[in-house]
Amino acid sequence: MNDTTAIGIGPLSLADAHDLAPLIAAYAQELSRGAPRRPDDYYAELLLKDRTARLIGARLGERMVGFAVFFDMPDTVSGMRVGQLDELFVVQDARGLGVGDALIGALIAEGRRQGWQHVRWLVREKARIRDEPIAADLEPGGMRSYIIPVDRTAGNR
């Protein structure tokens, strides 16, 4: 992609569901390596209507090329607020153009507005950030991410 159009970053709304759906499908396919998923406008709408998740999108011209899902949360230890970035995705043909950096920059700006202490980023094992320019600015958080399964069919522990 040789598009030199400026990267536009902004909050996503329900009106963006149709543009977001193919990116969610591409992200899921990249992580699972299975058969490509079909874009699902309904799921994109559900995500955009979620009461706690916040989404921002990146566009080159009119085309959505990336998104980030994040949360505003309390930090138990400091008593301050923090941002938590859970998902960040940029389509393959827009990688290396600064889209990821622009999404991170928008989160940092949001953090300043909200008074966040920092942004936590839980990165999936299969994520590819080592080769991106943003990787040079990441600081080790001294934490690991663990998943505690919840068996919804079993009784209490």
N, C-alpha and C. Protein backbone atom coordinates (compact mmCIF):
# COMPACT_ATOMS: atom_id res chain seq x y z
N MET A 1 0.85 -1.17 0.00
CA MET A 1 0.00 0.00 0.00
C MET A 1 0.90 1.24 0.00
N ASN A 2 0.76 2.08 -0.97
CA ASN A 2 1.57 3.29 -1.06
C ASN A 2 0.76 4.53 -0.78
N ASP A 3 -0.33 4.40 -0.06
CA ASP A 3 -1.20 5.52 0.26
C ASP A 3 -0.52 6.41 1.28
N THR A 4 -0.33 7.67 0.93
CA THR A 4 0.29 8.61 1.85
C THR A 4 -0.74 9.47 2.56
N THR A 5 -2.00 9.08 2.48
CA THR A 5 -3.06 9.82 3.15
C THR A 5 -2.81 9.84 4.65
N ALA A 6 -3.12 10.96 5.27
CA ALA A 6 -2.95 11.06 6.71
C ALA A 6 -3.81 10.02 7.42
N ILE A 7 -3.31 9.56 8.54
CA ILE A 7 -4.03 8.58 9.35
C ILE A 7 -5.05 9.33 10.19
N GLY A 8 -6.30 8.95 10.06
CA GLY A 8 -7.36 9.54 10.88
C GLY A 8 -7.71 8.59 12.00
N ILE A 9 -7.68 9.09 13.23
CA ILE A 9 -7.99 8.28 14.41
C ILE A 9 -9.20 8.90 15.09
N GLY A 10 -10.14 8.05 15.50
CA GLY A 10 -11.29 8.57 16.22
C GLY A 10 -12.09 7.47 16.88
N PRO A 11 -12.99 7.87 17.79
CA PRO A 11 -13.84 6.89 18.44
C PRO A 11 -14.78 6.23 17.44
N LEU A 12 -15.09 4.97 17.67
CA LEU A 12 -16.01 4.26 16.79
C LEU A 12 -17.40 4.25 17.41
N SER A 13 -18.38 4.31 16.54
CA SER A 13 -19.78 4.28 16.97
C SER A 13 -20.49 3.17 16.21
N LEU A 14 -21.75 2.98 16.51
CA LEU A 14 -22.56 1.95 15.87
C LEU A 14 -22.55 2.10 14.35
N ALA A 15 -22.46 3.33 13.86
CA ALA A 15 -22.43 3.57 12.42
C ALA A 15 -21.19 2.98 11.76
N ASP A 16 -20.17 2.63 12.53
CA ASP A 16 -18.93 2.08 11.99
C ASP A 16 -18.91 0.55 11.96
N ALA A 17 -19.98 -0.10 12.38
CA ALA A 17 -20.00 -1.56 12.50
C ALA A 17 -19.65 -2.26 11.18
N HIS A 18 -20.18 -1.80 10.08
CA HIS A 18 -19.94 -2.46 8.80
C HIS A 18 -18.47 -2.36 8.38
N ASP A 19 -17.82 -1.25 8.70
CA ASP A 19 -16.39 -1.10 8.39
C ASP A 19 -15.51 -1.87 9.36
N LEU A 20 -15.97 -2.02 10.61
CA LEU A 20 -15.20 -2.72 11.63
C LEU A 20 -15.24 -4.23 11.46
N ALA A 21 -16.36 -4.76 11.01
CA ALA A 21 -16.56 -6.22 10.93
C ALA A 21 -15.47 -6.95 10.15
N PRO A 22 -15.04 -6.49 8.97
CA PRO A 22 -13.97 -7.21 8.27
C PRO A 22 -12.64 -7.20 9.02
N LEU A 23 -12.37 -6.15 9.79
CA LEU A 23 -11.14 -6.09 10.57
C LEU A 23 -11.17 -7.09 11.71
N ILE A 24 -12.31 -7.21 12.37
CA ILE A 24 -12.45 -8.20 13.44
C ILE A 24 -12.25 -9.60 12.87
N ALA A 25 -12.83 -9.87 11.70
CA ALA A 25 -12.69 -11.18 11.07
C ALA A 25 -11.23 -11.45 10.71
N ALA A 26 -10.54 -10.45 10.17
CA ALA A 26 -9.12 -10.63 9.81
C ALA A 26 -8.27 -10.86 11.05
N TYR A 27 -8.57 -10.14 12.12
CA TYR A 27 -7.83 -10.29 13.37
C TYR A 27 -8.02 -11.70 13.93
N ALA A 28 -9.24 -12.16 13.97
CA ALA A 28 -9.52 -13.51 14.49
C ALA A 28 -8.84 -14.57 13.64
N GLN A 29 -8.86 -14.40 12.33
CA GLN A 29 -8.23 -15.37 11.44
C GLN A 29 -6.72 -15.37 11.64
N GLU A 30 -6.13 -14.20 11.83
CA GLU A 30 -4.69 -14.12 12.03
C GLU A 30 -4.27 -14.80 13.33
N LEU A 31 -5.08 -14.68 14.36
CA LEU A 31 -4.74 -15.30 15.64
C LEU A 31 -4.97 -16.81 15.64
N SER A 32 -6.02 -17.25 14.95
CA SER A 32 -6.37 -18.68 15.01
C SER A 32 -5.76 -19.48 13.88
N ARG A 33 -5.37 -18.81 12.80
CA ARG A 33 -4.79 -19.49 11.63
C ARG A 33 -5.75 -20.50 11.01
N GLY A 34 -7.01 -20.45 11.35
CA GLY A 34 -7.99 -21.36 10.76
C GLY A 34 -8.54 -20.78 9.48
N ALA A 35 -9.66 -21.32 9.08
CA ALA A 35 -10.34 -20.81 7.89
C ALA A 35 -10.73 -19.35 8.12
N PRO A 36 -10.63 -18.53 7.10
CA PRO A 36 -11.02 -17.13 7.27
C PRO A 36 -12.46 -17.01 7.73
N ARG A 37 -12.67 -16.09 8.67
CA ARG A 37 -14.02 -15.83 9.16
C ARG A 37 -14.71 -14.85 8.23
N ARG A 38 -16.02 -14.97 8.17
CA ARG A 38 -16.80 -13.99 7.42
C ARG A 38 -17.01 -12.76 8.30
N PRO A 39 -16.97 -11.58 7.73
CA PRO A 39 -17.28 -10.39 8.52
C PRO A 39 -18.68 -10.50 9.11
N ASP A 40 -18.82 -10.14 10.37
CA ASP A 40 -20.08 -10.27 11.09
C ASP A 40 -20.50 -8.91 11.63
N ASP A 41 -21.36 -8.23 10.89
CA ASP A 41 -21.82 -6.90 11.30
C ASP A 41 -22.52 -6.95 12.65
N TYR A 42 -23.28 -8.01 12.89
CA TYR A 42 -24.01 -8.12 14.14
C TYR A 42 -23.05 -8.15 15.33
N TYR A 43 -21.99 -8.96 15.22
CA TYR A 43 -21.02 -9.02 16.32
C TYR A 43 -20.32 -7.67 16.49
N ALA A 44 -19.97 -7.02 15.39
CA ALA A 44 -19.34 -5.70 15.48
C ALA A 44 -20.27 -4.73 16.20
N GLU A 45 -21.57 -4.81 15.92
CA GLU A 45 -22.55 -3.95 16.60
C GLU A 45 -22.58 -4.25 18.09
N LEU A 46 -22.55 -5.54 18.45
CA LEU A 46 -22.55 -5.91 19.87
C LEU A 46 -21.32 -5.34 20.58
N LEU A 47 -20.17 -5.46 19.94
CA LEU A 47 -18.94 -4.93 20.54
C LEU A 47 -19.03 -3.41 20.70
N LEU A 48 -19.54 -2.74 19.70
CA LEU A 48 -19.65 -1.29 19.76
C LEU A 48 -20.68 -0.82 20.78
N LYS A 49 -21.64 -1.68 21.11
CA LYS A 49 -22.67 -1.33 22.11
C LYS A 49 -22.29 -1.80 23.51
N ASP A 50 -21.16 -2.48 23.65
CA ASP A 50 -20.76 -2.98 24.96
C ASP A 50 -20.69 -1.83 25.96
N ARG A 51 -21.15 -2.07 27.18
CA ARG A 51 -21.24 -0.99 28.17
C ARG A 51 -19.90 -0.61 28.78
N THR A 52 -18.87 -1.43 28.63
CA THR A 52 -17.57 -1.10 29.23
C THR A 52 -16.46 -0.89 28.21
N ALA A 53 -16.52 -1.57 27.08
CA ALA A 53 -15.46 -1.46 26.08
C ALA A 53 -15.56 -0.15 25.33
N ARG A 54 -14.41 0.40 25.01
CA ARG A 54 -14.34 1.59 24.17
C ARG A 54 -13.47 1.25 22.98
N LEU A 55 -13.85 1.73 21.83
CA LEU A 55 -13.13 1.42 20.60
C LEU A 55 -12.75 2.69 19.87
N ILE A 56 -11.53 2.67 19.33
CA ILE A 56 -11.11 3.72 18.42
C ILE A 56 -10.70 3.04 17.13
N GLY A 57 -10.83 3.76 16.04
CA GLY A 57 -10.48 3.21 14.74
C GLY A 57 -9.47 4.10 14.04
N ALA A 58 -8.75 3.50 13.11
CA ALA A 58 -7.78 4.22 12.28
C ALA A 58 -8.23 4.09 10.83
N ARG A 59 -8.18 5.21 10.14
CA ARG A 59 -8.55 5.23 8.72
C ARG A 59 -7.44 5.86 7.89
N LEU A 60 -7.24 5.29 6.74
CA LEU A 60 -6.42 5.91 5.70
C LEU A 60 -7.41 6.29 4.62
N GLY A 61 -7.62 7.57 4.46
CA GLY A 61 -8.70 8.02 3.59
C GLY A 61 -10.02 7.58 4.19
N GLU A 62 -10.85 6.95 3.39
CA GLU A 62 -12.15 6.47 3.86
C GLU A 62 -12.08 5.04 4.40
N ARG A 63 -10.96 4.36 4.22
CA ARG A 63 -10.85 2.95 4.57
C ARG A 63 -10.39 2.76 6.01
N MET A 64 -11.15 1.98 6.79
CA MET A 64 -10.72 1.63 8.14
C MET A 64 -9.63 0.58 8.03
N VAL A 65 -8.48 0.85 8.68
CA VAL A 65 -7.34 -0.05 8.57
C VAL A 65 -6.86 -0.57 9.92
N GLY A 66 -7.45 -0.10 11.01
CA GLY A 66 -7.03 -0.57 12.32
C GLY A 66 -8.03 -0.19 13.39
N PHE A 67 -7.91 -0.89 14.51
CA PHE A 67 -8.77 -0.58 15.65
C PHE A 67 -8.07 -0.95 16.94
N ALA A 68 -8.56 -0.37 18.02
CA ALA A 68 -8.09 -0.71 19.36
C ALA A 68 -9.30 -0.79 20.28
N VAL A 69 -9.28 -1.78 21.17
CA VAL A 69 -10.32 -1.94 22.19
C VAL A 69 -9.65 -1.70 23.53
N PHE A 70 -10.22 -0.78 24.31
CA PHE A 70 -9.61 -0.45 25.59
C PHE A 70 -10.67 -0.16 26.64
N PHE A 71 -10.21 -0.07 27.88
CA PHE A 71 -11.08 0.15 29.03
C PHE A 71 -10.47 1.19 29.95
N ASP A 72 -11.31 1.91 30.65
CA ASP A 72 -10.90 2.82 31.72
C ASP A 72 -11.18 2.07 33.01
N MET A 73 -10.15 1.90 33.85
CA MET A 73 -10.29 1.05 35.03
C MET A 73 -9.65 1.67 36.27
N PRO A 74 -10.11 1.26 37.45
CA PRO A 74 -9.40 1.69 38.66
C PRO A 74 -8.16 0.82 38.87
N ASP A 75 -7.13 1.42 39.45
CA ASP A 75 -5.95 0.66 39.84
C ASP A 75 -6.03 0.47 41.35
N THR A 76 -6.17 -0.73 41.79
CA THR A 76 -6.38 -1.03 43.20
C THR A 76 -5.24 -0.54 44.08
N VAL A 77 -4.01 -0.70 43.63
CA VAL A 77 -2.85 -0.36 44.45
C VAL A 77 -2.67 1.15 44.59
N SER A 78 -2.76 1.89 43.49
CA SER A 78 -2.47 3.33 43.54
C SER A 78 -3.70 4.18 43.85
N GLY A 79 -4.88 3.62 43.63
CA GLY A 79 -6.10 4.40 43.79
C GLY A 79 -6.37 5.32 42.62
N MET A 80 -5.56 5.24 41.58
CA MET A 80 -5.74 6.08 40.39
C MET A 80 -6.49 5.30 39.32
N ARG A 81 -6.72 5.93 38.21
CA ARG A 81 -7.33 5.29 37.05
C ARG A 81 -6.22 4.87 36.10
N VAL A 82 -6.46 3.81 35.35
CA VAL A 82 -5.54 3.36 34.32
C VAL A 82 -6.33 3.01 33.08
N GLY A 83 -5.66 3.01 31.96
CA GLY A 83 -6.25 2.49 30.73
C GLY A 83 -5.77 1.07 30.54
N GLN A 84 -6.61 0.24 29.99
CA GLN A 84 -6.18 -1.12 29.66
C GLN A 84 -6.48 -1.38 28.21
N LEU A 85 -5.43 -1.56 27.42
CA LEU A 85 -5.55 -1.88 26.01
C LEU A 85 -5.61 -3.40 25.88
N ASP A 86 -6.72 -3.89 25.37
CA ASP A 86 -6.87 -5.34 25.23
C ASP A 86 -6.62 -5.83 23.81
N GLU A 87 -6.98 -5.07 22.83
CA GLU A 87 -6.81 -5.50 21.45
C GLU A 87 -6.33 -4.33 20.61
N LEU A 88 -5.36 -4.57 19.76
CA LEU A 88 -4.91 -3.59 18.79
C LEU A 88 -4.62 -4.36 17.51
N PHE A 89 -5.22 -3.92 16.42
CA PHE A 89 -5.04 -4.64 15.16
C PHE A 89 -4.92 -3.64 14.02
N VAL A 90 -3.99 -3.93 13.11
CA VAL A 90 -3.82 -3.16 11.89
C VAL A 90 -3.78 -4.16 10.74
N VAL A 91 -4.55 -3.89 9.68
CA VAL A 91 -4.58 -4.80 8.54
C VAL A 91 -3.18 -4.88 7.93
N GLN A 92 -2.89 -6.03 7.33
CA GLN A 92 -1.53 -6.29 6.86
C GLN A 92 -1.00 -5.24 5.90
N ASP A 93 -1.81 -4.81 4.94
CA ASP A 93 -1.27 -3.88 3.94
C ASP A 93 -1.11 -2.45 4.46
N ALA A 94 -1.49 -2.20 5.72
CA ALA A 94 -1.29 -0.88 6.32
C ALA A 94 -0.23 -0.91 7.41
N ARG A 95 0.38 -2.05 7.63
CA ARG A 95 1.42 -2.14 8.65
C ARG A 95 2.69 -1.44 8.18
N GLY A 96 3.41 -0.88 9.13
CA GLY A 96 4.63 -0.17 8.79
C GLY A 96 4.38 1.27 8.36
N LEU A 97 3.12 1.71 8.38
CA LEU A 97 2.78 3.08 7.96
C LEU A 97 2.52 3.99 9.15
N GLY A 98 2.70 3.47 10.37
CA GLY A 98 2.48 4.29 11.56
C GLY A 98 1.08 4.21 12.14
N VAL A 99 0.28 3.29 11.63
CA VAL A 99 -1.10 3.18 12.11
C VAL A 99 -1.14 2.73 13.58
N GLY A 100 -0.36 1.72 13.92
CA GLY A 100 -0.30 1.26 15.31
C GLY A 100 0.19 2.36 16.24
N ASP A 101 1.22 3.07 15.80
CA ASP A 101 1.73 4.20 16.60
C ASP A 101 0.65 5.26 16.79
N ALA A 102 -0.12 5.53 15.74
CA ALA A 102 -1.17 6.54 15.84
C ALA A 102 -2.27 6.10 16.81
N LEU A 103 -2.61 4.82 16.80
CA LEU A 103 -3.61 4.31 17.75
C LEU A 103 -3.09 4.42 19.18
N ILE A 104 -1.83 4.05 19.39
CA ILE A 104 -1.23 4.16 20.73
C ILE A 104 -1.18 5.63 21.15
N GLY A 105 -0.81 6.51 20.23
CA GLY A 105 -0.78 7.93 20.52
C GLY A 105 -2.14 8.46 20.95
N ALA A 106 -3.18 7.98 20.30
CA ALA A 106 -4.55 8.40 20.66
C ALA A 106 -4.90 7.90 22.06
N LEU A 107 -4.44 6.70 22.42
CA LEU A 107 -4.69 6.18 23.77
C LEU A 107 -3.92 6.98 24.81
N ILE A 108 -2.71 7.38 24.49
CA ILE A 108 -1.93 8.21 25.42
C ILE A 108 -2.63 9.55 25.62
N ALA A 109 -3.14 10.13 24.54
CA ALA A 109 -3.87 11.41 24.65
C ALA A 109 -5.13 11.23 25.50
N GLU A 110 -5.83 10.11 25.30
CA GLU A 110 -7.02 9.83 26.12
C GLU A 110 -6.61 9.68 27.59
N GLY A 111 -5.48 9.03 27.82
CA GLY A 111 -4.98 8.87 29.18
C GLY A 111 -4.70 10.20 29.85
N ARG A 112 -4.16 11.13 29.10
CA ARG A 112 -3.92 12.46 29.66
C ARG A 112 -5.24 13.13 30.03
N ARG A 113 -6.24 13.03 29.14
CA ARG A 113 -7.55 13.64 29.41
C ARG A 113 -8.22 13.01 30.63
N GLN A 114 -8.05 11.69 30.77
CA GLN A 114 -8.72 10.96 31.86
C GLN A 114 -7.90 10.92 33.14
N GLY A 115 -6.64 11.35 33.08
CA GLY A 115 -5.79 11.31 34.27
C GLY A 115 -5.29 9.91 34.61
N TRP A 116 -5.13 9.07 33.60
CA TRP A 116 -4.64 7.71 33.84
C TRP A 116 -3.20 7.74 34.33
N GLN A 117 -2.88 6.79 35.19
CA GLN A 117 -1.50 6.62 35.64
C GLN A 117 -0.66 6.03 34.52
N HIS A 118 -1.20 5.08 33.78
CA HIS A 118 -0.52 4.44 32.66
C HIS A 118 -1.55 3.66 31.84
N VAL A 119 -1.07 3.06 30.78
CA VAL A 119 -1.90 2.16 29.97
C VAL A 119 -1.29 0.77 30.08
N ARG A 120 -2.08 -0.18 30.52
CA ARG A 120 -1.65 -1.58 30.54
C ARG A 120 -2.00 -2.18 29.18
N TRP A 121 -1.11 -3.00 28.68
CA TRP A 121 -1.39 -3.65 27.40
C TRP A 121 -1.18 -5.14 27.57
N LEU A 122 -2.22 -5.88 27.49
CA LEU A 122 -2.14 -7.34 27.55
C LEU A 122 -2.00 -7.83 26.11
N VAL A 123 -0.84 -8.35 25.78
CA VAL A 123 -0.54 -8.74 24.41
C VAL A 123 -0.66 -10.25 24.28
N ARG A 124 -1.39 -10.67 23.29
CA ARG A 124 -1.54 -12.11 23.02
C ARG A 124 -0.21 -12.68 22.55
N GLU A 125 0.00 -13.95 22.87
CA GLU A 125 1.25 -14.62 22.49
C GLU A 125 1.51 -14.53 20.99
N LYS A 126 0.46 -14.61 20.18
CA LYS A 126 0.63 -14.63 18.73
C LYS A 126 0.73 -13.24 18.12
N ALA A 127 0.66 -12.21 18.94
CA ALA A 127 0.71 -10.84 18.42
C ALA A 127 2.08 -10.57 17.80
N ARG A 128 2.10 -9.73 16.80
CA ARG A 128 3.35 -9.41 16.10
C ARG A 128 3.69 -7.95 16.30
N ILE A 129 4.24 -7.62 17.45
CA ILE A 129 4.62 -6.23 17.67
C ILE A 129 6.13 -6.04 17.68
N ARG A 130 6.88 -7.13 17.74
CA ARG A 130 8.34 -7.00 17.83
C ARG A 130 8.94 -6.27 16.65
N ASP A 131 8.34 -6.40 15.48
CA ASP A 131 8.90 -5.80 14.28
C ASP A 131 8.31 -4.43 13.97
N GLU A 132 7.37 -3.97 14.79
CA GLU A 132 6.73 -2.69 14.55
C GLU A 132 7.51 -1.57 15.24
N PRO A 133 7.47 -0.36 14.72
CA PRO A 133 8.18 0.76 15.36
C PRO A 133 7.77 0.98 16.82
N ILE A 134 6.51 0.72 17.16
CA ILE A 134 6.02 0.94 18.53
C ILE A 134 6.76 0.05 19.53
N ALA A 135 7.27 -1.09 19.09
CA ALA A 135 7.90 -2.03 20.02
C ALA A 135 9.10 -1.42 20.73
N ALA A 136 9.78 -0.49 20.07
CA ALA A 136 10.96 0.13 20.69
C ALA A 136 10.60 0.97 21.91
N ASP A 137 9.36 1.46 21.98
CA ASP A 137 8.94 2.32 23.08
C ASP A 137 8.23 1.58 24.21
N LEU A 138 8.06 0.28 24.08
CA LEU A 138 7.35 -0.47 25.11
C LEU A 138 8.26 -0.75 26.29
N GLU A 139 7.71 -0.60 27.47
CA GLU A 139 8.46 -0.89 28.69
C GLU A 139 7.94 -2.19 29.28
N PRO A 140 8.84 -3.06 29.76
CA PRO A 140 8.36 -4.27 30.41
C PRO A 140 7.52 -3.89 31.63
N GLY A 141 6.41 -4.55 31.80
CA GLY A 141 5.51 -4.21 32.89
C GLY A 141 5.75 -5.01 34.14
N GLY A 142 6.66 -5.97 34.10
CA GLY A 142 6.91 -6.77 35.28
C GLY A 142 5.75 -7.70 35.60
N MET A 143 4.89 -7.94 34.65
CA MET A 143 3.74 -8.81 34.88
C MET A 143 3.65 -9.84 33.77
N ARG A 144 2.94 -10.86 34.06
CA ARG A 144 2.56 -11.82 33.05
C ARG A 144 1.04 -11.81 32.96
N SER A 145 0.55 -12.23 31.86
CA SER A 145 -0.89 -12.31 31.69
C SER A 145 -1.29 -13.78 31.83
N TYR A 146 -2.27 -14.05 32.66
CA TYR A 146 -2.77 -15.40 32.83
C TYR A 146 -4.26 -15.41 32.55
N ILE A 147 -4.74 -16.54 32.15
CA ILE A 147 -6.17 -16.72 31.93
C ILE A 147 -6.68 -17.73 32.94
N ILE A 148 -7.70 -17.35 33.69
CA ILE A 148 -8.36 -18.25 34.62
C ILE A 148 -9.65 -18.70 33.95
N PRO A 149 -9.74 -19.96 33.56
CA PRO A 149 -10.94 -20.41 32.86
C PRO A 149 -12.16 -20.38 33.78
N VAL A 150 -13.28 -20.08 33.21
CA VAL A 150 -14.54 -20.10 33.93
C VAL A 150 -15.42 -21.14 33.24
N ASP A 151 -15.64 -22.24 33.94
CA ASP A 151 -16.50 -23.30 33.41
C ASP A 151 -17.93 -22.97 33.79
N ARG A 152 -18.70 -22.48 32.84
CA ARG A 152 -20.05 -22.03 33.14
C ARG A 152 -21.03 -23.18 33.35
N THR A 153 -20.58 -24.41 33.09
CA THR A 153 -21.47 -25.54 33.30
C THR A 153 -21.24 -26.22 34.64
N ALA A 154 -20.11 -25.92 35.30
CA ALA A 154 -19.78 -26.57 36.56
C ALA A 154 -20.35 -25.79 37.74
N GLY A 155 -20.45 -26.44 38.88
CA GLY A 155 -20.90 -25.79 40.09
C GLY A 155 -19.79 -24.92 40.67
N ASN A 156 -20.05 -24.34 41.79
CA ASN A 156 -19.04 -23.50 42.45
C ASN A 156 -17.85 -24.33 42.86
N ARG A 157 -16.74 -23.69 42.99
CA ARG A 157 -15.49 -24.33 43.39
C ARG A 157 -15.53 -24.86 44.78
